[in-house]
């Protein structure tokens, strides 16, 4: 119990409304977001490209544009704060 209470600020006033004092650790919400982001880029985005491919030109030339694969380049900065300090954006090259 003391281990879990150490996760909270010391001046936090905790009120107990239950009869038992069972504590559950707070969920790691940041890891959930990171996992979701990784899954989107590794799996879901590829499925999205399959859904929109091919884009067809219905002119007499009958051209088609297929999105087969994608890749992302590296950013110029370690994080967005470093980019802000340099009055730049935190962007990365993206090829489809």
C-alpha atoms as a PDB file:
ATOM      1  CA  UNK A   1       0.000   0.000   0.000  1.00  0.00           C
ATOM      2  CA  UNK A   2       2.807   2.438   0.850  1.00  0.00           C
ATOM      3  CA  UNK A   3       4.430   1.644  -2.484  1.00  0.00           C
ATOM      4  CA  UNK A   4       1.314   2.721  -4.383  1.00  0.00           C
ATOM      5  CA  UNK A   5       0.790   5.812  -2.224  1.00  0.00           C
ATOM      6  CA  UNK A   6       4.330   6.886  -3.066  1.00  0.00           C
ATOM      7  CA  UNK A   7       3.182   7.348  -6.680  1.00  0.00           C
ATOM      8  CA  UNK A   8       0.958  10.251  -5.635  1.00  0.00           C
ATOM      9  CA  UNK A   9       2.044  13.708  -4.453  1.00  0.00           C
ATOM     10  CA  UNK A  10       2.538  13.884  -0.659  1.00  0.00           C
ATOM     11  CA  UNK A  11       0.080  16.758  -0.227  1.00  0.00           C
ATOM     12  CA  UNK A  12      -2.736  14.860  -1.965  1.00  0.00           C
ATOM     13  CA  UNK A  13      -5.716  14.412   0.341  1.00  0.00           C
ATOM     14  CA  UNK A  14      -7.099  10.922  -0.288  1.00  0.00           C
ATOM     15  CA  UNK A  15     -10.636  10.087   0.859  1.00  0.00           C
ATOM     16  CA  UNK A  16     -11.732   6.479   1.248  1.00  0.00           C
ATOM     17  CA  UNK A  17     -15.362   5.735   0.429  1.00  0.00           C
ATOM     18  CA  UNK A  18     -15.149   1.966   0.504  1.00  0.00           C
ATOM     19  CA  UNK A  19     -14.840  -0.467   3.369  1.00  0.00           C
ATOM     20  CA  UNK A  20     -11.699  -2.132   2.069  1.00  0.00           C
ATOM     21  CA  UNK A  21      -8.436  -0.393   1.481  1.00  0.00           C
ATOM     22  CA  UNK A  22      -7.407  -2.276  -1.642  1.00  0.00           C
ATOM     23  CA  UNK A  23      -5.251  -0.136  -3.900  1.00  0.00           C
ATOM     24  CA  UNK A  24      -4.694  -0.744  -7.566  1.00  0.00           C
ATOM     25  CA  UNK A  25      -1.789   0.896  -9.343  1.00  0.00           C
ATOM     26  CA  UNK A  26      -2.780   3.645 -11.768  1.00  0.00           C
ATOM     27  CA  UNK A  27      -2.787   2.531 -15.405  1.00  0.00           C
ATOM     28  CA  UNK A  28       0.120   3.561 -17.567  1.00  0.00           C
ATOM     29  CA  UNK A  29      -1.896   5.645 -20.013  1.00  0.00           C
ATOM     30  CA  UNK A  30       1.152   6.854 -21.893  1.00  0.00           C
ATOM     31  CA  UNK A  31       2.159   3.313 -22.834  1.00  0.00           C
ATOM     32  CA  UNK A  32      -1.377   2.695 -24.132  1.00  0.00           C
ATOM     33  CA  UNK A  33      -1.062   5.728 -26.395  1.00  0.00           C
ATOM     34  CA  UNK A  34       2.381   4.661 -27.613  1.00  0.00           C
ATOM     35  CA  UNK A  35       1.181   1.130 -28.371  1.00  0.00           C
ATOM     36  CA  UNK A  36      -1.802   2.505 -30.253  1.00  0.00           C
ATOM     37  CA  UNK A  37       0.444   4.850 -32.278  1.00  0.00           C
ATOM     38  CA  UNK A  38       2.845   2.027 -33.145  1.00  0.00           C
ATOM     39  CA  UNK A  39       0.010  -0.295 -34.147  1.00  0.00           C
ATOM     40  CA  UNK A  40      -1.469   2.431 -36.370  1.00  0.00           C
ATOM     41  CA  UNK A  41       1.771   2.928 -38.322  1.00  0.00           C
ATOM     42  CA  UNK A  42       2.711  -0.761 -38.499  1.00  0.00           C
ATOM     43  CA  UNK A  43      -0.668  -2.326 -39.296  1.00  0.00           C
ATOM     44  CA  UNK A  44      -3.612   0.025 -39.653  1.00  0.00           C
ATOM     45  CA  UNK A  45      -2.036   2.509 -42.051  1.00  0.00           C
ATOM     46  CA  UNK A  46      -1.052  -0.301 -44.420  1.00  0.00           C
ATOM     47  CA  UNK A  47      -4.678  -1.497 -44.382  1.00  0.00           C
ATOM     48  CA  UNK A  48      -5.839   2.036 -45.103  1.00  0.00           C
ATOM     49  CA  UNK A  49      -3.579   2.216 -48.143  1.00  0.00           C
ATOM     50  CA  UNK A  50      -5.030  -1.079 -49.383  1.00  0.00           C
ATOM     51  CA  UNK A  51      -8.555   0.318 -49.019  1.00  0.00           C
ATOM     52  CA  UNK A  52      -7.930   3.400 -51.145  1.00  0.00           C
ATOM     53  CA  UNK A  53      -5.811   1.658 -53.777  1.00  0.00           C
ATOM     54  CA  UNK A  54      -6.027   1.862 -56.688  1.00  0.00           C
ATOM     55  CA  UNK A  55      -7.081   5.372 -57.563  1.00  0.00           C
ATOM     56  CA  UNK A  56      -8.344   5.163 -61.116  1.00  0.00           C
ATOM     57  CA  UNK A  57      -8.443   7.762 -63.835  1.00  0.00           C
ATOM     58  CA  UNK A  58     -11.606   7.251 -65.825  1.00  0.00           C
ATOM     59  CA  UNK A  59     -10.322   9.110 -68.846  1.00  0.00           C
ATOM     60  CA  UNK A  60      -9.467   7.292 -72.039  1.00  0.00           C
ATOM     61  CA  UNK A  61      -5.968   6.577 -70.717  1.00  0.00           C
ATOM     62  CA  UNK A  62      -7.247   4.395 -67.857  1.00  0.00           C
ATOM     63  CA  UNK A  63      -4.415   5.221 -65.471  1.00  0.00           C
ATOM     64  CA  UNK A  64      -4.190   3.683 -62.004  1.00  0.00           C
ATOM     65  CA  UNK A  65      -2.280   4.767 -58.938  1.00  0.00           C
ATOM     66  CA  UNK A  66      -1.501   2.018 -56.423  1.00  0.00           C
ATOM     67  CA  UNK A  67      -0.173   2.651 -52.925  1.00  0.00           C
ATOM     68  CA  UNK A  68       2.004  -0.391 -52.345  1.00  0.00           C
ATOM     69  CA  UNK A  69       4.230   0.584 -49.453  1.00  0.00           C
ATOM     70  CA  UNK A  70       5.350   3.502 -47.327  1.00  0.00           C
ATOM     71  CA  UNK A  71       8.285   4.573 -45.214  1.00  0.00           C
ATOM     72  CA  UNK A  72       9.080   7.360 -42.819  1.00  0.00           C
ATOM     73  CA  UNK A  73      12.343   9.243 -42.573  1.00  0.00           C
ATOM     74  CA  UNK A  74      14.055  10.633 -39.505  1.00  0.00           C
ATOM     75  CA  UNK A  75      13.249  13.968 -37.903  1.00  0.00           C
ATOM     76  CA  UNK A  76      15.782  16.760 -37.685  1.00  0.00           C
ATOM     77  CA  UNK A  77      15.329  17.087 -33.914  1.00  0.00           C
ATOM     78  CA  UNK A  78      15.196  14.812 -30.882  1.00  0.00           C
ATOM     79  CA  UNK A  79      11.794  16.127 -29.762  1.00  0.00           C
ATOM     80  CA  UNK A  80       9.248  18.842 -30.466  1.00  0.00           C
ATOM     81  CA  UNK A  81      10.650  21.172 -27.790  1.00  0.00           C
ATOM     82  CA  UNK A  82      14.015  21.290 -29.523  1.00  0.00           C
ATOM     83  CA  UNK A  83      12.263  22.141 -32.788  1.00  0.00           C
ATOM     84  CA  UNK A  84      10.306  24.945 -31.098  1.00  0.00           C
ATOM     85  CA  UNK A  85      13.504  26.402 -29.667  1.00  0.00           C
ATOM     86  CA  UNK A  86      14.829  26.643 -33.222  1.00  0.00           C
ATOM     87  CA  UNK A  87      11.532  28.095 -34.533  1.00  0.00           C
ATOM     88  CA  UNK A  88      11.045  25.018 -36.671  1.00  0.00           C
ATOM     89  CA  UNK A  89       8.462  22.257 -36.910  1.00  0.00           C
ATOM     90  CA  UNK A  90       8.831  18.707 -35.668  1.00  0.00           C
ATOM     91  CA  UNK A  91       8.296  16.943 -38.959  1.00  0.00           C
ATOM     92  CA  UNK A  92       9.606  13.923 -40.783  1.00  0.00           C
ATOM     93  CA  UNK A  93       9.737  12.939 -44.455  1.00  0.00           C
ATOM     94  CA  UNK A  94       7.073  10.470 -45.509  1.00  0.00           C
ATOM     95  CA  UNK A  95       7.062   8.473 -48.740  1.00  0.00           C
ATOM     96  CA  UNK A  96       4.172   6.455 -50.169  1.00  0.00           C
END
